[in-house]
Amino acid sequence: MKNNIDFLQNELIRISEWLRFIEQKLILLSAYYWLWISYIAQNIQDIKRIFQENSCIKIFIFLYFIFTLILWIYFLFRVIFPNFKNNSNNKSFFFFRHISNMKILDYVKDFQILTIKEKENQILEQIHINSTIANEKMNNIAYAFKILFINLLFFFITLFTI
């Protein structure tokens, strides 16, 4: 039984590493988009000129570019704030929200009376929760990368039209 708990703990650590990996991708994407946002803020006069020229193509490209930035921000928040839930158990000893709602003495006392099988089940629940969170975050990162490629396409079109 001890080997089973060790295996489950290692699996929980592995899933947590996936979450860290996703966060690193988020940082990479964030750097790209924040550079664009700061560029736009610094070059507001050039942007005003696009609208003053009344070029429908330039305005469309710029607005689509802004739309992709806003869409990216939406997915950024979906990665940063995933849907944390543990609906299967109201008193989990491995889910941070449940732990933080317990008094320390109650947590320690209740944890000590858990059987090995109950601890295994709780670790399995947490593995499932973390996997669900990692999947949700990874899907949002994938959408953000797709938006990045669309954004880059419009950037290169902008280079040749402006």
N, C-alpha and C. Protein backbone atom coordinates (compact mmCIF):
# COMPACT_ATOMS: atom_id res chain seq x y z
N MET A 1 0.81 -1.20 0.00
CA MET A 1 0.00 0.00 0.00
C MET A 1 0.86 1.27 0.00
N LYS A 2 1.95 1.25 0.72
CA LYS A 2 2.83 2.42 0.78
C LYS A 2 3.35 2.75 -0.62
N ASN A 3 3.70 1.72 -1.42
CA ASN A 3 4.18 1.97 -2.78
C ASN A 3 3.10 2.61 -3.63
N ASN A 4 1.84 2.24 -3.41
CA ASN A 4 0.74 2.83 -4.16
C ASN A 4 0.60 4.31 -3.85
N ILE A 5 0.72 4.68 -2.59
CA ILE A 5 0.63 6.10 -2.22
C ILE A 5 1.83 6.86 -2.79
N ASP A 6 3.01 6.27 -2.75
CA ASP A 6 4.18 6.91 -3.35
C ASP A 6 3.96 7.14 -4.84
N PHE A 7 3.43 6.14 -5.52
CA PHE A 7 3.15 6.27 -6.95
C PHE A 7 2.16 7.41 -7.20
N LEU A 8 1.09 7.45 -6.41
CA LEU A 8 0.08 8.49 -6.58
C LEU A 8 0.65 9.88 -6.29
N GLN A 9 1.48 9.98 -5.27
CA GLN A 9 2.10 11.27 -4.96
C GLN A 9 3.01 11.69 -6.12
N ASN A 10 3.75 10.76 -6.69
CA ASN A 10 4.61 11.09 -7.83
C ASN A 10 3.77 11.51 -9.04
N GLU A 11 2.63 10.86 -9.22
CA GLU A 11 1.73 11.23 -10.31
C GLU A 11 1.18 12.65 -10.09
N LEU A 12 0.85 12.97 -8.86
CA LEU A 12 0.37 14.31 -8.54
C LEU A 12 1.46 15.35 -8.82
N ILE A 13 2.69 15.02 -8.49
CA ILE A 13 3.83 15.91 -8.76
C ILE A 13 4.00 16.08 -10.27
N ARG A 14 3.86 14.99 -11.02
CA ARG A 14 4.00 15.05 -12.48
C ARG A 14 2.95 15.97 -13.10
N ILE A 15 1.72 15.86 -12.64
CA ILE A 15 0.65 16.73 -13.14
C ILE A 15 0.94 18.19 -12.78
N SER A 16 1.46 18.40 -11.58
CA SER A 16 1.81 19.77 -11.16
C SER A 16 2.92 20.34 -12.04
N GLU A 17 3.83 19.49 -12.50
CA GLU A 17 4.88 19.94 -13.42
C GLU A 17 4.28 20.37 -14.75
N TRP A 18 3.24 19.68 -15.20
CA TRP A 18 2.55 20.09 -16.42
C TRP A 18 1.95 21.48 -16.24
N LEU A 19 1.39 21.73 -15.08
CA LEU A 19 0.83 23.06 -14.81
C LEU A 19 1.92 24.13 -14.88
N ARG A 20 3.09 23.84 -14.35
CA ARG A 20 4.21 24.79 -14.42
C ARG A 20 4.64 25.01 -15.88
N PHE A 21 4.68 23.94 -16.66
CA PHE A 21 5.04 24.03 -18.06
C PHE A 21 4.07 24.94 -18.82
N ILE A 22 2.80 24.80 -18.53
CA ILE A 22 1.78 25.64 -19.17
C ILE A 22 1.99 27.10 -18.78
N GLU A 23 2.31 27.34 -17.52
CA GLU A 23 2.55 28.71 -17.07
C GLU A 23 3.75 29.32 -17.79
N GLN A 24 4.77 28.52 -18.10
CA GLN A 24 5.92 29.04 -18.84
C GLN A 24 5.52 29.45 -20.25
N LYS A 25 4.66 28.67 -20.89
CA LYS A 25 4.16 29.05 -22.21
C LYS A 25 3.37 30.35 -22.12
N LEU A 26 2.61 30.50 -21.07
CA LEU A 26 1.84 31.71 -20.86
C LEU A 26 2.75 32.93 -20.78
N ILE A 27 3.86 32.79 -20.09
CA ILE A 27 4.82 33.90 -19.96
C ILE A 27 5.37 34.27 -21.34
N LEU A 28 5.69 33.28 -22.15
CA LEU A 28 6.20 33.53 -23.50
C LEU A 28 5.17 34.30 -24.33
N LEU A 29 3.94 33.84 -24.31
CA LEU A 29 2.89 34.55 -25.05
C LEU A 29 2.66 35.95 -24.50
N SER A 30 2.68 36.08 -23.21
CA SER A 30 2.45 37.38 -22.58
C SER A 30 3.50 38.39 -23.01
N ALA A 31 4.73 37.97 -23.07
CA ALA A 31 5.80 38.89 -23.47
C ALA A 31 5.54 39.44 -24.87
N TYR A 32 5.15 38.57 -25.78
CA TYR A 32 4.87 39.00 -27.16
C TYR A 32 3.74 40.03 -27.18
N TYR A 33 2.65 39.72 -26.54
CA TYR A 33 1.50 40.60 -26.61
C TYR A 33 1.69 41.89 -25.82
N TRP A 34 2.37 41.84 -24.71
CA TRP A 34 2.60 43.07 -23.95
C TRP A 34 3.53 44.01 -24.71
N LEU A 35 4.44 43.45 -25.50
CA LEU A 35 5.26 44.30 -26.36
C LEU A 35 4.39 45.05 -27.37
N TRP A 36 3.42 44.35 -27.94
CA TRP A 36 2.51 45.00 -28.89
C TRP A 36 1.67 46.06 -28.21
N ILE A 37 1.17 45.78 -27.06
CA ILE A 37 0.33 46.76 -26.35
C ILE A 37 1.14 48.00 -26.01
N SER A 38 2.38 47.81 -25.58
CA SER A 38 3.22 48.98 -25.27
C SER A 38 3.59 49.73 -26.55
N TYR A 39 3.81 49.01 -27.65
CA TYR A 39 4.10 49.67 -28.93
C TYR A 39 2.92 50.54 -29.36
N ILE A 40 1.72 49.99 -29.26
CA ILE A 40 0.52 50.74 -29.64
C ILE A 40 0.38 51.99 -28.76
N ALA A 41 0.60 51.82 -27.48
CA ALA A 41 0.48 52.96 -26.56
C ALA A 41 1.50 54.05 -26.88
N GLN A 42 2.70 53.66 -27.29
CA GLN A 42 3.75 54.64 -27.59
C GLN A 42 3.58 55.29 -28.96
N ASN A 43 2.84 54.65 -29.83
CA ASN A 43 2.70 55.15 -31.21
C ASN A 43 1.26 55.51 -31.54
N ILE A 44 0.59 56.09 -30.61
CA ILE A 44 -0.82 56.43 -30.78
C ILE A 44 -1.02 57.43 -31.93
N GLN A 45 -0.06 58.29 -32.16
CA GLN A 45 -0.17 59.27 -33.26
C GLN A 45 -0.19 58.57 -34.62
N ASP A 46 0.64 57.57 -34.79
CA ASP A 46 0.64 56.81 -36.04
C ASP A 46 -0.68 56.08 -36.24
N ILE A 47 -1.24 55.61 -35.16
CA ILE A 47 -2.52 54.90 -35.22
C ILE A 47 -3.63 55.88 -35.60
N LYS A 48 -3.59 57.08 -35.02
CA LYS A 48 -4.58 58.10 -35.38
C LYS A 48 -4.49 58.42 -36.87
N ARG A 49 -3.28 58.43 -37.41
CA ARG A 49 -3.08 58.74 -38.82
C ARG A 49 -3.74 57.68 -39.72
N ILE A 50 -3.74 56.42 -39.27
CA ILE A 50 -4.40 55.36 -40.03
C ILE A 50 -5.87 55.70 -40.20
N PHE A 51 -6.50 56.16 -39.14
CA PHE A 51 -7.92 56.49 -39.21
C PHE A 51 -8.17 57.79 -39.98
N GLN A 52 -7.23 58.71 -39.94
CA GLN A 52 -7.39 59.96 -40.66
C GLN A 52 -7.26 59.77 -42.17
N GLU A 53 -6.50 58.77 -42.58
CA GLU A 53 -6.32 58.49 -44.01
C GLU A 53 -7.58 57.89 -44.63
N ASN A 54 -8.48 57.38 -43.81
CA ASN A 54 -9.72 56.76 -44.28
C ASN A 54 -9.48 55.58 -45.22
N SER A 55 -8.41 54.87 -45.01
CA SER A 55 -8.14 53.67 -45.80
C SER A 55 -8.84 52.49 -45.14
N CYS A 56 -9.86 51.99 -45.80
CA CYS A 56 -10.66 50.90 -45.22
C CYS A 56 -9.81 49.67 -44.93
N ILE A 57 -8.89 49.38 -45.82
CA ILE A 57 -8.05 48.19 -45.64
C ILE A 57 -7.17 48.35 -44.41
N LYS A 58 -6.53 49.50 -44.27
CA LYS A 58 -5.67 49.72 -43.11
C LYS A 58 -6.47 49.71 -41.82
N ILE A 59 -7.63 50.34 -41.86
CA ILE A 59 -8.48 50.37 -40.65
C ILE A 59 -8.92 48.96 -40.30
N PHE A 60 -9.35 48.19 -41.31
CA PHE A 60 -9.77 46.82 -41.06
C PHE A 60 -8.64 45.98 -40.48
N ILE A 61 -7.46 46.08 -41.06
CA ILE A 61 -6.32 45.30 -40.57
C ILE A 61 -5.99 45.70 -39.15
N PHE A 62 -5.96 47.00 -38.88
CA PHE A 62 -5.66 47.45 -37.52
C PHE A 62 -6.72 46.98 -36.53
N LEU A 63 -8.00 47.11 -36.89
CA LEU A 63 -9.06 46.69 -35.97
C LEU A 63 -9.04 45.19 -35.75
N TYR A 64 -8.73 44.43 -36.78
CA TYR A 64 -8.63 42.98 -36.60
C TYR A 64 -7.45 42.63 -35.71
N PHE A 65 -6.37 43.37 -35.87
CA PHE A 65 -5.21 43.20 -35.01
C PHE A 65 -5.59 43.47 -33.56
N ILE A 66 -6.33 44.54 -33.31
CA ILE A 66 -6.78 44.87 -31.96
C ILE A 66 -7.72 43.80 -31.44
N PHE A 67 -8.60 43.31 -32.31
CA PHE A 67 -9.53 42.24 -31.92
C PHE A 67 -8.75 41.00 -31.46
N THR A 68 -7.68 40.64 -32.17
CA THR A 68 -6.90 39.47 -31.75
C THR A 68 -6.19 39.73 -30.42
N LEU A 69 -5.77 40.97 -30.19
CA LEU A 69 -5.18 41.30 -28.89
C LEU A 69 -6.19 41.12 -27.77
N ILE A 70 -7.40 41.60 -27.99
CA ILE A 70 -8.45 41.47 -26.97
C ILE A 70 -8.81 40.00 -26.75
N LEU A 71 -8.91 39.26 -27.83
CA LEU A 71 -9.19 37.84 -27.72
C LEU A 71 -8.09 37.12 -26.96
N TRP A 72 -6.86 37.51 -27.22
CA TRP A 72 -5.74 36.92 -26.50
C TRP A 72 -5.84 37.22 -25.01
N ILE A 73 -6.20 38.44 -24.65
CA ILE A 73 -6.35 38.80 -23.23
C ILE A 73 -7.41 37.94 -22.58
N TYR A 74 -8.49 37.66 -23.30
CA TYR A 74 -9.53 36.77 -22.78
C TYR A 74 -8.94 35.39 -22.45
N PHE A 75 -8.18 34.83 -23.38
CA PHE A 75 -7.59 33.51 -23.12
C PHE A 75 -6.52 33.57 -22.04
N LEU A 76 -5.83 34.69 -21.94
CA LEU A 76 -4.87 34.89 -20.86
C LEU A 76 -5.55 34.74 -19.51
N PHE A 77 -6.68 35.40 -19.35
CA PHE A 77 -7.40 35.30 -18.09
C PHE A 77 -7.95 33.90 -17.86
N ARG A 78 -8.31 33.21 -18.92
CA ARG A 78 -8.79 31.83 -18.77
C ARG A 78 -7.66 30.90 -18.32
N VAL A 79 -6.42 31.21 -18.70
CA VAL A 79 -5.29 30.40 -18.24
C VAL A 79 -4.93 30.77 -16.81
N ILE A 80 -4.92 32.06 -16.52
CA ILE A 80 -4.54 32.51 -15.18
C ILE A 80 -5.58 32.11 -14.14
N PHE A 81 -6.85 32.18 -14.51
CA PHE A 81 -7.94 31.88 -13.58
C PHE A 81 -8.77 30.70 -14.08
N PRO A 82 -8.22 29.49 -13.98
CA PRO A 82 -9.00 28.33 -14.44
C PRO A 82 -10.15 28.04 -13.47
N ASN A 83 -10.97 27.13 -13.87
CA ASN A 83 -12.15 26.76 -13.09
C ASN A 83 -11.73 25.74 -12.02
N PHE A 84 -11.40 26.21 -10.82
CA PHE A 84 -11.01 25.32 -9.72
C PHE A 84 -12.26 24.78 -9.05
N LYS A 85 -12.44 23.48 -9.15
CA LYS A 85 -13.58 22.87 -8.48
C LYS A 85 -13.20 21.48 -7.98
N ASN A 86 -13.79 21.14 -6.86
CA ASN A 86 -13.75 19.77 -6.37
C ASN A 86 -15.17 19.46 -5.90
N ASN A 87 -15.99 19.03 -6.84
CA ASN A 87 -17.38 18.76 -6.52
C ASN A 87 -17.60 17.37 -5.95
N SER A 88 -16.61 16.51 -6.06
CA SER A 88 -16.81 15.13 -5.64
C SER A 88 -16.65 14.93 -4.14
N ASN A 89 -16.01 15.87 -3.47
CA ASN A 89 -15.73 15.69 -2.05
C ASN A 89 -15.76 17.06 -1.37
N ASN A 90 -16.53 17.19 -0.33
CA ASN A 90 -16.61 18.46 0.39
C ASN A 90 -15.48 18.67 1.38
N LYS A 91 -14.74 17.60 1.65
CA LYS A 91 -13.67 17.70 2.64
C LYS A 91 -12.45 16.95 2.11
N SER A 92 -11.75 17.61 1.22
CA SER A 92 -10.55 17.00 0.65
C SER A 92 -9.33 17.45 1.44
N PHE A 93 -8.43 16.53 1.68
CA PHE A 93 -7.22 16.84 2.42
C PHE A 93 -6.07 17.20 1.49
N PHE A 94 -6.35 17.26 0.17
CA PHE A 94 -5.33 17.59 -0.81
C PHE A 94 -5.73 18.74 -1.72
N PHE A 95 -6.96 19.23 -1.60
CA PHE A 95 -7.42 20.34 -2.42
C PHE A 95 -7.28 21.63 -1.61
N PHE A 96 -6.54 22.59 -2.15
CA PHE A 96 -6.15 23.77 -1.38
C PHE A 96 -7.33 24.55 -0.82
N ARG A 97 -8.43 24.64 -1.57
CA ARG A 97 -9.57 25.41 -1.06
C ARG A 97 -10.19 24.73 0.15
N HIS A 98 -10.29 23.43 0.12
CA HIS A 98 -10.86 22.71 1.27
C HIS A 98 -9.93 22.80 2.47
N ILE A 99 -8.65 22.64 2.21
CA ILE A 99 -7.67 22.71 3.30
C ILE A 99 -7.72 24.08 3.97
N SER A 100 -7.76 25.14 3.16
CA SER A 100 -7.73 26.48 3.73
C SER A 100 -8.99 26.82 4.52
N ASN A 101 -10.08 26.09 4.29
CA ASN A 101 -11.31 26.33 5.04
C ASN A 101 -11.37 25.54 6.35
N MET A 102 -10.37 24.71 6.60
CA MET A 102 -10.34 23.93 7.84
C MET A 102 -9.43 24.62 8.86
N LYS A 103 -9.71 24.39 10.10
CA LYS A 103 -8.79 24.82 11.14
C LYS A 103 -7.64 23.81 11.16
N ILE A 104 -6.46 24.29 11.46
CA ILE A 104 -5.27 23.44 11.40
C ILE A 104 -5.40 22.21 12.31
N LEU A 105 -5.90 22.40 13.49
CA LEU A 105 -6.03 21.27 14.41
C LEU A 105 -7.03 20.23 13.89
N ASP A 106 -8.13 20.70 13.30
CA ASP A 106 -9.11 19.78 12.71
C ASP A 106 -8.51 19.06 11.51
N TYR A 107 -7.76 19.79 10.71
CA TYR A 107 -7.12 19.19 9.53
C TYR A 107 -6.18 18.07 9.95
N VAL A 108 -5.31 18.35 10.90
CA VAL A 108 -4.34 17.35 11.36
C VAL A 108 -5.06 16.15 11.98
N LYS A 109 -6.01 16.41 12.85
CA LYS A 109 -6.74 15.33 13.53
C LYS A 109 -7.49 14.45 12.52
N ASP A 110 -8.22 15.09 11.62
CA ASP A 110 -9.01 14.33 10.63
C ASP A 110 -8.12 13.58 9.65
N PHE A 111 -7.00 14.19 9.28
CA PHE A 111 -6.09 13.52 8.35
C PHE A 111 -5.50 12.26 8.98
N GLN A 112 -5.17 12.33 10.25
CA GLN A 112 -4.56 11.20 10.94
C GLN A 112 -5.50 10.00 11.05
N ILE A 113 -6.80 10.23 11.04
CA ILE A 113 -7.71 9.09 11.17
C ILE A 113 -8.13 8.51 9.82
N LEU A 114 -7.66 9.11 8.72
CA LEU A 114 -7.96 8.56 7.40
C LEU A 114 -7.26 7.22 7.21
N THR A 115 -7.93 6.31 6.56
CA THR A 115 -7.29 5.03 6.22
C THR A 115 -6.42 5.24 4.99
N ILE A 116 -5.56 4.28 4.73
CA ILE A 116 -4.70 4.35 3.55
C ILE A 116 -5.56 4.43 2.28
N LYS A 117 -6.61 3.64 2.22
CA LYS A 117 -7.49 3.62 1.05
C LYS A 117 -8.16 4.99 0.85
N GLU A 118 -8.58 5.63 1.94
CA GLU A 118 -9.19 6.96 1.85
C GLU A 118 -8.17 7.99 1.37
N LYS A 119 -6.93 7.87 1.85
CA LYS A 119 -5.87 8.78 1.39
C LYS A 119 -5.60 8.57 -0.10
N GLU A 120 -5.57 7.32 -0.53
CA GLU A 120 -5.37 7.02 -1.95
C GLU A 120 -6.49 7.64 -2.79
N ASN A 121 -7.72 7.49 -2.34
CA ASN A 121 -8.85 8.05 -3.08
C ASN A 121 -8.77 9.57 -3.15
N GLN A 122 -8.35 10.19 -2.07
CA GLN A 122 -8.24 11.65 -2.06
C GLN A 122 -7.12 12.12 -3.00
N ILE A 123 -6.01 11.39 -3.01
CA ILE A 123 -4.92 11.74 -3.93
C ILE A 123 -5.39 11.55 -5.37
N LEU A 124 -6.12 10.47 -5.63
CA LEU A 124 -6.66 10.24 -6.97
C LEU A 124 -7.61 11.37 -7.38
N GLU A 125 -8.45 11.83 -6.46
CA GLU A 125 -9.33 12.96 -6.76
C GLU A 125 -8.52 14.20 -7.11
N GLN A 126 -7.45 14.44 -6.36
CA GLN A 126 -6.64 15.63 -6.63
C GLN A 126 -5.91 15.49 -7.96
N ILE A 127 -5.45 14.30 -8.30
CA ILE A 127 -4.83 14.08 -9.61
C ILE A 127 -5.84 14.40 -10.71
N HIS A 128 -7.07 13.95 -10.52
CA HIS A 128 -8.11 14.22 -11.51
C HIS A 128 -8.38 15.71 -11.62
N ILE A 129 -8.50 16.40 -10.50
CA ILE A 129 -8.75 17.85 -10.50
C ILE A 129 -7.60 18.58 -11.19
N ASN A 130 -6.37 18.25 -10.83
CA ASN A 130 -5.21 18.92 -11.44
C ASN A 130 -5.13 18.63 -12.93
N SER A 131 -5.49 17.41 -13.32
CA SER A 131 -5.48 17.06 -14.75
C SER A 131 -6.53 17.86 -15.50
N THR A 132 -7.70 18.04 -14.89
CA THR A 132 -8.75 18.84 -15.51
C THR A 132 -8.30 20.29 -15.66
N ILE A 133 -7.67 20.82 -14.64
CA ILE A 133 -7.16 22.19 -14.69
C ILE A 133 -6.08 22.31 -15.76
N ALA A 134 -5.16 21.35 -15.81
CA ALA A 134 -4.08 21.38 -16.81
C ALA A 134 -4.66 21.31 -18.22
N ASN A 135 -5.67 20.47 -18.40
CA ASN A 135 -6.30 20.36 -19.71
C ASN A 135 -6.97 21.67 -20.12
N GLU A 136 -7.69 22.28 -19.19
CA GLU A 136 -8.35 23.55 -19.48
C GLU A 136 -7.32 24.63 -19.82
N LYS A 137 -6.25 24.70 -19.04
CA LYS A 137 -5.21 25.69 -19.29
C LYS A 137 -4.53 25.44 -20.64
N MET A 138 -4.25 24.17 -20.93
CA MET A 138 -3.56 23.84 -22.19
C MET A 138 -4.44 24.17 -23.39
N ASN A 139 -5.74 23.90 -23.29
CA ASN A 139 -6.65 24.27 -24.38
C ASN A 139 -6.64 25.77 -24.62
N ASN A 140 -6.64 26.54 -23.54
CA ASN A 140 -6.62 28.00 -23.69
C ASN A 140 -5.29 28.49 -24.24
N ILE A 141 -4.19 27.85 -23.85
CA ILE A 141 -2.88 28.20 -24.42
C ILE A 141 -2.87 27.88 -25.91
N ALA A 142 -3.46 26.74 -26.29
CA ALA A 142 -3.51 26.37 -27.71
C ALA A 142 -4.29 27.41 -28.50
N TYR A 143 -5.43 27.86 -27.96
CA TYR A 143 -6.20 28.92 -28.63
C TYR A 143 -5.37 30.20 -28.73
N ALA A 144 -4.65 30.52 -27.67
CA ALA A 144 -3.83 31.74 -27.68
C ALA A 144 -2.74 31.65 -28.74
N PHE A 145 -2.13 30.47 -28.94
CA PHE A 145 -1.11 30.32 -29.97
C PHE A 145 -1.74 30.43 -31.36
N LYS A 146 -2.94 29.92 -31.54
CA LYS A 146 -3.62 30.08 -32.83
C LYS A 146 -3.87 31.56 -33.11
N ILE A 147 -4.27 32.28 -32.09
CA ILE A 147 -4.48 33.72 -32.24
C ILE A 147 -3.16 34.41 -32.56
N LEU A 148 -2.08 33.94 -31.96
CA LEU A 148 -0.75 34.49 -32.24
C LEU A 148 -0.44 34.37 -33.73
N PHE A 149 -0.70 33.22 -34.33
CA PHE A 149 -0.39 33.04 -35.74
C PHE A 149 -1.28 33.93 -36.62
N ILE A 150 -2.54 34.07 -36.25
CA ILE A 150 -3.43 34.98 -36.98
C ILE A 150 -2.93 36.41 -36.82
N ASN A 151 -2.52 36.75 -35.62
CA ASN A 151 -2.00 38.07 -35.33
C ASN A 151 -0.76 38.36 -36.16
N LEU A 152 0.15 37.39 -36.22
CA LEU A 152 1.37 37.56 -37.01
C LEU A 152 1.05 37.71 -38.50
N LEU A 153 0.06 36.96 -38.98
CA LEU A 153 -0.35 37.08 -40.37
C LEU A 153 -0.81 38.51 -40.66
N PHE A 154 -1.64 39.06 -39.79
CA PHE A 154 -2.09 40.43 -40.00
C PHE A 154 -0.95 41.43 -39.81
N PHE A 155 0.00 41.12 -38.98
CA PHE A 155 1.17 41.98 -38.84
C PHE A 155 1.94 42.06 -40.15
N PHE A 156 2.18 40.91 -40.78
CA PHE A 156 2.92 40.90 -42.03
C PHE A 156 2.11 41.55 -43.16
N ILE A 157 0.82 41.36 -43.15
CA ILE A 157 -0.02 42.06 -44.14
C ILE A 157 0.08 43.55 -43.92
N THR A 158 0.08 43.97 -42.67
CA THR A 158 0.19 45.39 -42.34
C THR A 158 1.53 45.97 -42.84
N LEU A 159 2.59 45.19 -42.71
CA LEU A 159 3.90 45.66 -43.16
C LEU A 159 3.89 45.99 -44.66
N PHE A 160 3.16 45.21 -45.41
CA PHE A 160 3.16 45.39 -46.86
C PHE A 160 2.08 46.35 -47.36
N THR A 161 1.15 46.74 -46.50
CA THR A 161 0.08 47.63 -46.94
C THR A 161 0.22 49.05 -46.41
N ILE A 162 0.93 49.22 -45.35
CA ILE A 162 1.06 50.58 -44.75
C ILE A 162 2.31 51.26 -45.26
